[in-house]
Amino acid sequence: MKNKYICKKCNKFVASRSDDGEININPKSKKISLKGKEFRIVCKCGENNSVKIV
C-alpha cells in the first residue's frame, strides 16, 4: 500500500495515507470525488489521479 501519492504528470503532491488509514488530500486540487472505494483527484495540472481504499 502506498503512503504518498504524487501526480504522474507534474510530480506534485496529491495525497498521503497515514498508518491508521487517514487520507490527507492536497487542498489545492481542482476536484475531489468519491466513487465506491476510490477517490478521484484532479491535480492543478489537470491530470486525474485515483486513491483506492482497501
N, C-alpha and C. Protein backbone atom coordinates (compact mmCIF):
# COMPACT_ATOMS: atom_id res chain seq x y z
N MET A 1 0.84 -1.17 0.00
CA MET A 1 0.00 0.00 0.00
C MET A 1 0.89 1.24 0.00
N LYS A 2 0.59 2.17 -0.90
CA LYS A 2 1.39 3.38 -0.98
C LYS A 2 1.04 4.32 0.17
N ASN A 3 2.01 5.10 0.62
CA ASN A 3 1.77 6.08 1.68
C ASN A 3 1.72 7.50 1.14
N LYS A 4 2.29 7.72 -0.04
CA LYS A 4 2.31 9.06 -0.61
C LYS A 4 1.97 8.96 -2.09
N TYR A 5 1.07 9.80 -2.55
CA TYR A 5 0.64 9.79 -3.94
C TYR A 5 1.10 11.08 -4.61
N ILE A 6 1.81 10.92 -5.72
CA ILE A 6 2.38 12.04 -6.47
C ILE A 6 1.76 12.03 -7.87
N CYS A 7 1.46 13.21 -8.40
CA CYS A 7 0.90 13.32 -9.75
C CYS A 7 1.93 12.80 -10.75
N LYS A 8 1.47 11.95 -11.67
CA LYS A 8 2.37 11.37 -12.67
C LYS A 8 2.83 12.40 -13.70
N LYS A 9 2.00 13.42 -13.93
CA LYS A 9 2.29 14.40 -14.97
C LYS A 9 3.22 15.52 -14.48
N CYS A 10 2.91 16.11 -13.31
CA CYS A 10 3.69 17.27 -12.85
C CYS A 10 4.54 16.99 -11.61
N ASN A 11 4.48 15.76 -11.06
CA ASN A 11 5.27 15.35 -9.89
C ASN A 11 4.99 16.16 -8.63
N LYS A 12 3.76 16.66 -8.47
CA LYS A 12 3.38 17.39 -7.25
C LYS A 12 2.59 16.47 -6.32
N PHE A 13 2.60 16.81 -5.04
CA PHE A 13 1.90 16.04 -4.01
C PHE A 13 0.39 16.06 -4.27
N VAL A 14 -0.25 14.88 -4.24
CA VAL A 14 -1.70 14.77 -4.43
C VAL A 14 -2.38 14.36 -3.13
N ALA A 15 -1.87 13.29 -2.49
CA ALA A 15 -2.48 12.79 -1.25
C ALA A 15 -1.48 11.93 -0.51
N SER A 16 -1.76 11.71 0.78
CA SER A 16 -0.94 10.81 1.57
C SER A 16 -1.86 10.00 2.48
N ARG A 17 -1.37 8.85 2.91
CA ARG A 17 -2.14 7.97 3.79
C ARG A 17 -1.29 7.68 5.01
N SER A 18 -1.87 7.90 6.20
CA SER A 18 -1.15 7.61 7.43
C SER A 18 -1.30 6.14 7.79
N ASP A 19 -0.53 5.69 8.79
CA ASP A 19 -0.55 4.29 9.20
C ASP A 19 -1.92 3.85 9.74
N ASP A 20 -2.68 4.80 10.32
CA ASP A 20 -4.00 4.45 10.85
C ASP A 20 -5.10 4.53 9.79
N GLY A 21 -4.74 4.77 8.53
CA GLY A 21 -5.70 4.75 7.43
C GLY A 21 -6.27 6.10 7.04
N GLU A 22 -5.86 7.16 7.71
CA GLU A 22 -6.37 8.50 7.40
C GLU A 22 -5.75 9.00 6.09
N ILE A 23 -6.58 9.54 5.20
CA ILE A 23 -6.11 10.05 3.91
C ILE A 23 -6.13 11.57 3.95
N ASN A 24 -4.98 12.18 3.68
CA ASN A 24 -4.86 13.64 3.61
C ASN A 24 -4.71 14.03 2.15
N ILE A 25 -5.63 14.87 1.66
CA ILE A 25 -5.63 15.27 0.26
C ILE A 25 -5.17 16.72 0.15
N ASN A 26 -4.35 16.99 -0.87
CA ASN A 26 -3.86 18.34 -1.11
C ASN A 26 -5.06 19.27 -1.35
N PRO A 27 -5.23 20.31 -0.52
CA PRO A 27 -6.38 21.20 -0.68
C PRO A 27 -6.33 22.05 -1.96
N LYS A 28 -5.20 22.08 -2.63
CA LYS A 28 -5.07 22.86 -3.86
C LYS A 28 -5.54 22.08 -5.09
N SER A 29 -6.03 20.86 -4.90
CA SER A 29 -6.53 20.06 -6.01
C SER A 29 -7.77 20.71 -6.60
N LYS A 30 -7.96 20.55 -7.91
CA LYS A 30 -9.10 21.16 -8.59
C LYS A 30 -10.42 20.50 -8.22
N LYS A 31 -10.45 19.16 -8.18
CA LYS A 31 -11.69 18.44 -7.96
C LYS A 31 -11.41 17.14 -7.21
N ILE A 32 -12.25 16.84 -6.23
CA ILE A 32 -12.12 15.61 -5.46
C ILE A 32 -13.48 14.92 -5.49
N SER A 33 -13.51 13.65 -5.89
CA SER A 33 -14.77 12.91 -5.91
C SER A 33 -14.55 11.50 -5.37
N LEU A 34 -15.61 10.92 -4.86
CA LEU A 34 -15.56 9.58 -4.29
C LEU A 34 -16.51 8.69 -5.07
N LYS A 35 -16.00 7.57 -5.56
CA LYS A 35 -16.82 6.61 -6.29
C LYS A 35 -16.55 5.23 -5.70
N GLY A 36 -17.49 4.75 -4.91
CA GLY A 36 -17.30 3.46 -4.25
C GLY A 36 -16.17 3.51 -3.25
N LYS A 37 -15.11 2.75 -3.51
CA LYS A 37 -13.95 2.73 -2.62
C LYS A 37 -12.75 3.41 -3.26
N GLU A 38 -12.99 4.40 -4.11
CA GLU A 38 -11.90 5.06 -4.83
C GLU A 38 -12.09 6.57 -4.84
N PHE A 39 -11.07 7.30 -4.40
CA PHE A 39 -11.06 8.75 -4.51
C PHE A 39 -10.49 9.12 -5.87
N ARG A 40 -11.15 10.00 -6.58
CA ARG A 40 -10.61 10.53 -7.83
C ARG A 40 -10.24 11.98 -7.57
N ILE A 41 -8.99 12.31 -7.80
CA ILE A 41 -8.46 13.64 -7.50
C ILE A 41 -7.90 14.22 -8.79
N VAL A 42 -8.35 15.43 -9.15
CA VAL A 42 -7.83 16.11 -10.32
C VAL A 42 -6.81 17.13 -9.83
N CYS A 43 -5.57 16.98 -10.27
CA CYS A 43 -4.46 17.85 -9.89
C CYS A 43 -4.63 19.23 -10.55
N LYS A 44 -3.85 20.20 -10.09
CA LYS A 44 -3.88 21.54 -10.68
C LYS A 44 -3.50 21.51 -12.16
N CYS A 45 -2.70 20.54 -12.57
CA CYS A 45 -2.28 20.44 -13.97
C CYS A 45 -3.35 19.78 -14.84
N GLY A 46 -4.42 19.22 -14.23
CA GLY A 46 -5.50 18.59 -14.97
C GLY A 46 -5.43 17.08 -15.04
N GLU A 47 -4.40 16.48 -14.50
CA GLU A 47 -4.23 15.02 -14.52
C GLU A 47 -5.16 14.36 -13.48
N ASN A 48 -5.84 13.28 -13.88
CA ASN A 48 -6.69 12.50 -12.97
C ASN A 48 -5.82 11.51 -12.20
N ASN A 49 -5.98 11.48 -10.88
CA ASN A 49 -5.28 10.53 -10.02
C ASN A 49 -6.32 9.82 -9.18
N SER A 50 -6.06 8.57 -8.83
CA SER A 50 -7.02 7.83 -8.00
C SER A 50 -6.31 7.19 -6.81
N VAL A 51 -7.03 7.17 -5.67
CA VAL A 51 -6.55 6.56 -4.45
C VAL A 51 -7.61 5.55 -4.04
N LYS A 52 -7.23 4.27 -3.94
CA LYS A 52 -8.19 3.23 -3.57
C LYS A 52 -8.14 2.99 -2.07
N ILE A 53 -9.33 2.81 -1.49
CA ILE A 53 -9.45 2.48 -0.07
C ILE A 53 -9.50 0.96 0.03
N VAL A 54 -8.57 0.39 0.79
CA VAL A 54 -8.51 -1.07 0.91
C VAL A 54 -8.93 -1.47 2.30
